[in-house]
Amino acid sequence: MRTGHEPPERDPEARARQVAQAWESLLQIRRLVQTDHPDLPAPWEQAQPVRAVALAVEAFGVPLCAVDGDVVVESGAAVETENRGGVRVLWRYRRGHRAVDAGEADLAAAAELLGQAGWDALLYRAGPRRFLLAEPGRP
């Protein structure tokens, strides 16, 4: 599972197909295990929130960051564990490509898409840094 901390994808078209299939399978799991709230994250997603959020972000077309060692080679979202129990989504840029708004517009778009995927995501501003904190939506 990609989270935005890996090298660039070698076959983006194949990856897009895999992500679409994984997302459809996850939606089917939601419908089967929680018939009352199929629009919210399933138990598997809640147990592995970093992987689930990364899949949701990628399934909705948000590009994930790609790195070569410590160097960002493709700008995009990076998903990681948050100390307070949620998931943190950062927007990382290639050198020389940082947005004037510190990624706020890209993160706001990702937050909206996560909401459509059943996650609650709030934008935080910490000095010059911007990030989302995401957690499973509630009924």
N, C-alpha and C. Protein backbone atom coordinates (compact mmCIF):
# COMPACT_ATOMS: atom_id res chain seq x y z
N MET A 1 0.85 -1.18 0.00
CA MET A 1 0.00 0.00 0.00
C MET A 1 0.89 1.24 0.00
N ARG A 2 0.64 2.11 -0.93
CA ARG A 2 1.40 3.37 -1.01
C ARG A 2 0.82 4.38 -0.03
N THR A 3 1.70 5.16 0.59
CA THR A 3 1.27 6.21 1.51
C THR A 3 1.90 7.56 1.19
N GLY A 4 2.68 7.63 0.10
CA GLY A 4 3.33 8.88 -0.25
C GLY A 4 4.75 8.97 0.26
N HIS A 5 5.32 7.84 0.67
CA HIS A 5 6.69 7.80 1.17
C HIS A 5 7.53 6.83 0.35
N GLU A 6 7.07 6.46 -0.86
CA GLU A 6 7.71 5.47 -1.68
C GLU A 6 8.28 6.10 -2.95
N PRO A 7 9.13 5.33 -3.66
CA PRO A 7 9.63 5.81 -4.96
C PRO A 7 8.47 5.96 -5.96
N PRO A 8 8.70 6.64 -7.07
CA PRO A 8 7.64 6.81 -8.06
C PRO A 8 7.12 5.46 -8.56
N GLU A 9 5.86 5.44 -8.89
CA GLU A 9 5.22 4.23 -9.42
C GLU A 9 5.79 3.94 -10.80
N ARG A 10 6.16 2.69 -11.06
CA ARG A 10 6.76 2.32 -12.34
C ARG A 10 5.72 2.22 -13.46
N ASP A 11 4.50 1.80 -13.10
CA ASP A 11 3.44 1.63 -14.10
C ASP A 11 2.18 2.32 -13.58
N PRO A 12 2.06 3.63 -13.78
CA PRO A 12 0.92 4.38 -13.23
C PRO A 12 -0.44 3.86 -13.69
N GLU A 13 -0.55 3.40 -14.93
CA GLU A 13 -1.84 2.90 -15.42
C GLU A 13 -2.25 1.63 -14.68
N ALA A 14 -1.31 0.73 -14.48
CA ALA A 14 -1.61 -0.50 -13.73
C ALA A 14 -1.96 -0.15 -12.28
N ARG A 15 -1.24 0.80 -11.72
CA ARG A 15 -1.53 1.22 -10.34
C ARG A 15 -2.94 1.79 -10.24
N ALA A 16 -3.34 2.60 -11.19
CA ALA A 16 -4.69 3.18 -11.17
C ALA A 16 -5.75 2.08 -11.22
N ARG A 17 -5.53 1.05 -12.01
CA ARG A 17 -6.47 -0.07 -12.06
C ARG A 17 -6.52 -0.80 -10.73
N GLN A 18 -5.36 -1.04 -10.13
CA GLN A 18 -5.30 -1.73 -8.84
C GLN A 18 -6.03 -0.94 -7.76
N VAL A 19 -5.82 0.36 -7.74
CA VAL A 19 -6.45 1.21 -6.74
C VAL A 19 -7.96 1.21 -6.93
N ALA A 20 -8.42 1.32 -8.17
CA ALA A 20 -9.87 1.31 -8.43
C ALA A 20 -10.49 -0.01 -7.98
N GLN A 21 -9.82 -1.11 -8.26
CA GLN A 21 -10.34 -2.42 -7.85
C GLN A 21 -10.34 -2.54 -6.32
N ALA A 22 -9.27 -2.09 -5.67
CA ALA A 22 -9.21 -2.16 -4.21
C ALA A 22 -10.29 -1.29 -3.57
N TRP A 23 -10.53 -0.11 -4.14
CA TRP A 23 -11.55 0.78 -3.59
C TRP A 23 -12.94 0.16 -3.75
N GLU A 24 -13.24 -0.39 -4.90
CA GLU A 24 -14.54 -1.04 -5.12
C GLU A 24 -14.72 -2.21 -4.17
N SER A 25 -13.67 -2.97 -3.93
CA SER A 25 -13.74 -4.09 -2.98
C SER A 25 -14.01 -3.59 -1.58
N LEU A 26 -13.36 -2.50 -1.21
CA LEU A 26 -13.58 -1.93 0.12
C LEU A 26 -15.01 -1.42 0.28
N LEU A 27 -15.55 -0.81 -0.75
CA LEU A 27 -16.94 -0.36 -0.69
C LEU A 27 -17.89 -1.55 -0.53
N GLN A 28 -17.57 -2.65 -1.21
CA GLN A 28 -18.39 -3.86 -1.07
C GLN A 28 -18.31 -4.39 0.37
N ILE A 29 -17.13 -4.38 0.95
CA ILE A 29 -16.97 -4.80 2.35
C ILE A 29 -17.82 -3.92 3.25
N ARG A 30 -17.79 -2.62 3.02
CA ARG A 30 -18.60 -1.71 3.82
C ARG A 30 -20.08 -2.07 3.74
N ARG A 31 -20.54 -2.34 2.53
CA ARG A 31 -21.96 -2.68 2.35
C ARG A 31 -22.33 -3.98 3.05
N LEU A 32 -21.40 -4.92 3.09
CA LEU A 32 -21.68 -6.22 3.70
C LEU A 32 -21.61 -6.22 5.22
N VAL A 33 -20.64 -5.51 5.78
CA VAL A 33 -20.43 -5.60 7.23
C VAL A 33 -21.14 -4.52 8.04
N GLN A 34 -21.59 -3.49 7.39
CA GLN A 34 -22.30 -2.43 8.12
C GLN A 34 -23.41 -1.86 7.25
N THR A 35 -24.44 -2.65 7.14
CA THR A 35 -25.56 -2.29 6.27
C THR A 35 -26.23 -0.99 6.68
N ASP A 36 -26.13 -0.62 7.96
CA ASP A 36 -26.77 0.62 8.41
C ASP A 36 -25.97 1.87 8.05
N HIS A 37 -24.64 1.75 7.84
CA HIS A 37 -23.80 2.91 7.50
C HIS A 37 -22.72 2.51 6.49
N PRO A 38 -23.10 2.12 5.27
CA PRO A 38 -22.09 1.70 4.30
C PRO A 38 -21.23 2.84 3.78
N ASP A 39 -21.60 4.07 4.11
CA ASP A 39 -20.83 5.23 3.67
C ASP A 39 -19.69 5.58 4.62
N LEU A 40 -19.58 4.86 5.74
CA LEU A 40 -18.54 5.14 6.74
C LEU A 40 -17.48 4.05 6.74
N PRO A 41 -16.28 4.35 7.21
CA PRO A 41 -15.21 3.36 7.23
C PRO A 41 -15.59 2.09 7.98
N ALA A 42 -15.21 0.97 7.39
CA ALA A 42 -15.46 -0.36 7.97
C ALA A 42 -14.43 -0.65 9.07
N PRO A 43 -14.66 -1.70 9.84
CA PRO A 43 -13.71 -2.04 10.91
C PRO A 43 -12.27 -2.20 10.43
N TRP A 44 -12.06 -2.81 9.25
CA TRP A 44 -10.69 -2.94 8.73
C TRP A 44 -10.05 -1.56 8.56
N GLU A 45 -10.81 -0.61 8.03
CA GLU A 45 -10.28 0.74 7.82
C GLU A 45 -9.94 1.41 9.15
N GLN A 46 -10.79 1.19 10.13
CA GLN A 46 -10.56 1.80 11.44
C GLN A 46 -9.36 1.18 12.14
N ALA A 47 -9.09 -0.10 11.87
CA ALA A 47 -7.94 -0.78 12.47
C ALA A 47 -6.63 -0.41 11.78
N GLN A 48 -6.69 0.01 10.51
CA GLN A 48 -5.51 0.38 9.74
C GLN A 48 -5.75 1.72 9.06
N PRO A 49 -5.90 2.78 9.84
CA PRO A 49 -6.33 4.05 9.25
C PRO A 49 -5.35 4.67 8.26
N VAL A 50 -4.06 4.51 8.45
CA VAL A 50 -3.11 5.11 7.49
C VAL A 50 -3.30 4.47 6.12
N ARG A 51 -3.37 3.16 6.08
CA ARG A 51 -3.57 2.47 4.80
C ARG A 51 -4.91 2.83 4.19
N ALA A 52 -5.95 2.91 5.03
CA ALA A 52 -7.30 3.20 4.53
C ALA A 52 -7.39 4.62 3.98
N VAL A 53 -6.83 5.58 4.68
CA VAL A 53 -6.86 6.97 4.20
C VAL A 53 -6.04 7.10 2.92
N ALA A 54 -4.88 6.46 2.87
CA ALA A 54 -4.05 6.52 1.67
C ALA A 54 -4.81 5.93 0.47
N LEU A 55 -5.51 4.82 0.68
CA LEU A 55 -6.29 4.23 -0.40
C LEU A 55 -7.41 5.16 -0.84
N ALA A 56 -8.11 5.75 0.12
CA ALA A 56 -9.20 6.67 -0.22
C ALA A 56 -8.68 7.87 -1.00
N VAL A 57 -7.59 8.46 -0.53
CA VAL A 57 -7.01 9.62 -1.20
C VAL A 57 -6.65 9.27 -2.65
N GLU A 58 -5.95 8.15 -2.80
CA GLU A 58 -5.52 7.75 -4.14
C GLU A 58 -6.70 7.36 -5.02
N ALA A 59 -7.70 6.69 -4.45
CA ALA A 59 -8.87 6.28 -5.22
C ALA A 59 -9.65 7.48 -5.75
N PHE A 60 -9.63 8.58 -5.03
CA PHE A 60 -10.34 9.77 -5.47
C PHE A 60 -9.49 10.67 -6.36
N GLY A 61 -8.32 10.16 -6.76
CA GLY A 61 -7.51 10.88 -7.74
C GLY A 61 -6.52 11.87 -7.19
N VAL A 62 -6.34 11.91 -5.88
CA VAL A 62 -5.35 12.81 -5.29
C VAL A 62 -3.98 12.15 -5.47
N PRO A 63 -3.03 12.84 -6.06
CA PRO A 63 -1.72 12.21 -6.26
C PRO A 63 -0.99 12.03 -4.93
N LEU A 64 -0.30 10.91 -4.82
CA LEU A 64 0.53 10.67 -3.65
C LEU A 64 1.94 11.15 -3.96
N CYS A 65 2.60 11.63 -2.96
CA CYS A 65 3.98 12.06 -3.07
C CYS A 65 4.85 10.86 -3.44
N ALA A 66 5.93 11.09 -4.16
CA ALA A 66 6.91 10.04 -4.45
C ALA A 66 8.29 10.59 -4.09
N VAL A 67 9.12 9.74 -3.52
CA VAL A 67 10.44 10.18 -3.05
C VAL A 67 11.53 9.27 -3.61
N ASP A 68 12.71 9.84 -3.67
CA ASP A 68 13.92 9.08 -3.97
C ASP A 68 14.85 9.36 -2.81
N GLY A 69 14.87 8.44 -1.85
CA GLY A 69 15.59 8.69 -0.60
C GLY A 69 14.84 9.74 0.19
N ASP A 70 15.50 10.85 0.47
CA ASP A 70 14.87 11.96 1.20
C ASP A 70 14.38 13.07 0.28
N VAL A 71 14.52 12.89 -1.01
CA VAL A 71 14.19 13.93 -1.98
C VAL A 71 12.81 13.66 -2.59
N VAL A 72 11.94 14.65 -2.52
CA VAL A 72 10.62 14.54 -3.15
C VAL A 72 10.80 14.69 -4.65
N VAL A 73 10.35 13.67 -5.41
CA VAL A 73 10.48 13.72 -6.86
C VAL A 73 9.13 13.94 -7.55
N GLU A 74 8.02 13.69 -6.84
CA GLU A 74 6.69 13.99 -7.34
C GLU A 74 5.88 14.58 -6.20
N SER A 75 5.36 15.78 -6.40
CA SER A 75 4.55 16.43 -5.37
C SER A 75 3.26 15.68 -5.14
N GLY A 76 2.79 15.69 -3.90
CA GLY A 76 1.52 15.04 -3.61
C GLY A 76 1.32 14.83 -2.13
N ALA A 77 0.27 14.09 -1.81
CA ALA A 77 -0.09 13.83 -0.41
C ALA A 77 0.82 12.76 0.18
N ALA A 78 1.12 12.92 1.46
CA ALA A 78 1.86 11.92 2.23
C ALA A 78 1.02 11.64 3.47
N VAL A 79 0.72 10.36 3.71
CA VAL A 79 -0.17 9.96 4.79
C VAL A 79 0.66 9.26 5.86
N GLU A 80 0.44 9.66 7.12
CA GLU A 80 1.21 9.06 8.22
C GLU A 80 0.41 9.05 9.50
N THR A 81 0.90 8.29 10.46
CA THR A 81 0.23 8.19 11.75
C THR A 81 0.36 9.50 12.50
N GLU A 82 -0.71 9.89 13.14
CA GLU A 82 -0.71 11.08 14.00
C GLU A 82 -0.62 10.62 15.45
N ASN A 83 0.16 11.29 16.24
CA ASN A 83 0.36 10.90 17.64
C ASN A 83 -0.93 10.85 18.44
N ARG A 84 -1.91 11.63 18.07
CA ARG A 84 -3.16 11.68 18.85
C ARG A 84 -4.18 10.65 18.39
N GLY A 85 -3.75 9.64 17.62
CA GLY A 85 -4.64 8.56 17.26
C GLY A 85 -5.29 8.66 15.90
N GLY A 86 -5.15 9.76 15.23
CA GLY A 86 -5.74 9.91 13.90
C GLY A 86 -4.70 9.67 12.82
N VAL A 87 -4.96 10.23 11.67
CA VAL A 87 -4.07 10.13 10.53
C VAL A 87 -3.74 11.54 10.07
N ARG A 88 -2.48 11.78 9.81
CA ARG A 88 -2.04 13.09 9.31
C ARG A 88 -1.80 12.99 7.81
N VAL A 89 -2.30 13.98 7.07
CA VAL A 89 -2.07 14.06 5.63
C VAL A 89 -1.35 15.37 5.37
N LEU A 90 -0.15 15.26 4.85
CA LEU A 90 0.67 16.42 4.50
C LEU A 90 0.70 16.56 2.99
N TRP A 91 1.01 17.75 2.50
CA TRP A 91 1.24 17.91 1.07
C TRP A 91 2.70 18.26 0.90
N ARG A 92 3.44 17.39 0.22
CA ARG A 92 4.87 17.60 0.03
C ARG A 92 5.13 17.98 -1.42
N TYR A 93 6.06 18.90 -1.61
CA TYR A 93 6.36 19.44 -2.94
C TYR A 93 7.78 19.14 -3.36
N ARG A 94 7.95 18.99 -4.67
CA ARG A 94 9.30 18.92 -5.22
C ARG A 94 9.98 20.24 -4.95
N ARG A 95 11.28 20.20 -4.86
CA ARG A 95 12.06 21.42 -4.63
C ARG A 95 11.74 22.44 -5.71
N GLY A 96 11.44 23.65 -5.28
CA GLY A 96 11.13 24.73 -6.21
C GLY A 96 9.67 24.79 -6.65
N HIS A 97 8.82 23.90 -6.15
CA HIS A 97 7.42 23.87 -6.57
C HIS A 97 6.44 24.11 -5.43
N ARG A 98 6.90 24.61 -4.31
CA ARG A 98 6.02 24.81 -3.15
C ARG A 98 4.97 25.87 -3.46
N ALA A 99 3.73 25.61 -3.06
CA ALA A 99 2.63 26.54 -3.31
C ALA A 99 2.74 27.75 -2.38
N VAL A 100 2.27 28.86 -2.86
CA VAL A 100 2.28 30.09 -2.07
C VAL A 100 1.47 29.92 -0.79
N ASP A 101 0.38 29.13 -0.85
CA ASP A 101 -0.49 28.95 0.31
C ASP A 101 -0.05 27.78 1.20
N ALA A 102 1.19 27.28 1.01
CA ALA A 102 1.76 26.18 1.80
C ALA A 102 0.95 24.89 1.64
N GLY A 103 0.29 24.74 0.51
CA GLY A 103 -0.46 23.53 0.24
C GLY A 103 -1.89 23.53 0.74
N GLU A 104 -2.35 24.65 1.25
CA GLU A 104 -3.68 24.71 1.85
C GLU A 104 -4.78 24.35 0.85
N ALA A 105 -4.69 24.82 -0.37
CA ALA A 105 -5.72 24.52 -1.37
C ALA A 105 -5.72 23.03 -1.71
N ASP A 106 -4.53 22.44 -1.87
CA ASP A 106 -4.45 21.01 -2.17
C ASP A 106 -5.01 20.18 -1.02
N LEU A 107 -4.67 20.57 0.21
CA LEU A 107 -5.17 19.84 1.37
C LEU A 107 -6.68 20.02 1.54
N ALA A 108 -7.19 21.21 1.26
CA ALA A 108 -8.64 21.44 1.37
C ALA A 108 -9.38 20.55 0.37
N ALA A 109 -8.84 20.40 -0.84
CA ALA A 109 -9.46 19.52 -1.83
C ALA A 109 -9.41 18.07 -1.34
N ALA A 110 -8.28 17.66 -0.76
CA ALA A 110 -8.17 16.30 -0.22
C ALA A 110 -9.14 16.09 0.93
N ALA A 111 -9.34 17.10 1.78
CA ALA A 111 -10.28 16.99 2.90
C ALA A 111 -11.70 16.78 2.39
N GLU A 112 -12.06 17.49 1.34
CA GLU A 112 -13.40 17.34 0.77
C GLU A 112 -13.59 15.92 0.23
N LEU A 113 -12.58 15.41 -0.46
CA LEU A 113 -12.67 14.05 -1.01
C LEU A 113 -12.71 13.00 0.09
N LEU A 114 -11.93 13.21 1.16
CA LEU A 114 -11.98 12.27 2.28
C LEU A 114 -13.37 12.28 2.91
N GLY A 115 -14.00 13.44 2.98
CA GLY A 115 -15.37 13.51 3.49
C GLY A 115 -16.32 12.66 2.66
N GLN A 116 -16.15 12.69 1.34
CA GLN A 116 -16.98 11.87 0.46
C GLN A 116 -16.70 10.38 0.67
N ALA A 117 -15.49 10.06 1.16
CA ALA A 117 -15.11 8.67 1.39
C ALA A 117 -15.47 8.21 2.81
N GLY A 118 -16.13 9.07 3.58
CA GLY A 118 -16.58 8.68 4.91
C GLY A 118 -15.66 9.05 6.06
N TRP A 119 -14.65 9.85 5.79
CA TRP A 119 -13.69 10.28 6.81
C TRP A 119 -13.94 11.73 7.18
N ASP A 120 -13.71 12.06 8.45
CA ASP A 120 -13.73 13.46 8.89
C ASP A 120 -12.30 13.97 8.80
N ALA A 121 -12.09 15.07 8.11
CA ALA A 121 -10.74 15.62 7.94
C ALA A 121 -10.79 17.12 8.20
N LEU A 122 -9.95 17.56 9.09
CA LEU A 122 -9.86 18.98 9.43
C LEU A 122 -8.49 19.52 9.05
N LEU A 123 -8.47 20.72 8.50
CA LEU A 123 -7.24 21.38 8.12
C LEU A 123 -6.66 22.12 9.32
N TYR A 124 -5.37 21.90 9.58
CA TYR A 124 -4.68 22.57 10.68
C TYR A 124 -3.56 23.41 10.12
N ARG A 125 -3.31 24.52 10.79
CA ARG A 125 -2.20 25.42 10.45
C ARG A 125 -1.28 25.50 11.66
N ALA A 126 -0.03 25.11 11.45
CA ALA A 126 0.96 25.15 12.52
C ALA A 126 2.16 25.94 12.00
N GLY A 127 2.15 27.24 12.25
CA GLY A 127 3.19 28.09 11.69
C GLY A 127 3.10 28.04 10.18
N PRO A 128 4.21 27.78 9.50
CA PRO A 128 4.18 27.73 8.04
C PRO A 128 3.66 26.40 7.49
N ARG A 129 3.47 25.41 8.36
CA ARG A 129 3.02 24.09 7.90
C ARG A 129 1.51 23.98 7.91
N ARG A 130 0.99 23.21 6.94
CA ARG A 130 -0.42 22.90 6.85
C ARG A 130 -0.56 21.39 6.77
N PHE A 131 -1.59 20.84 7.41
CA PHE A 131 -1.83 19.40 7.33
C PHE A 131 -3.26 19.11 7.70
N LEU A 132 -3.72 17.92 7.32
CA LEU A 132 -5.04 17.44 7.68
C LEU A 132 -4.90 16.43 8.80
N LEU A 133 -5.87 16.42 9.69
CA LEU A 133 -6.02 15.32 10.62
C LEU A 133 -7.31 14.63 10.24
N ALA A 134 -7.22 13.34 9.98
CA ALA A 134 -8.39 12.57 9.54
C ALA A 134 -8.69 11.46 10.53
N GLU A 135 -9.97 11.20 10.70
CA GLU A 135 -10.41 10.09 11.53
C GLU A 135 -11.72 9.56 10.94
N PRO A 136 -12.08 8.33 11.27
CA PRO A 136 -13.31 7.77 10.71
C PRO A 136 -14.52 8.64 11.02
N GLY A 137 -15.38 8.80 10.01
CA GLY A 137 -16.62 9.54 10.22
C GLY A 137 -17.52 8.81 11.21
N ARG A 138 -18.44 9.54 11.79
CA ARG A 138 -19.36 8.97 12.77
C ARG A 138 -20.79 9.07 12.25
N PRO A 139 -21.61 8.09 12.62
CA PRO A 139 -23.01 8.14 12.17
C PRO A 139 -23.77 9.32 12.75
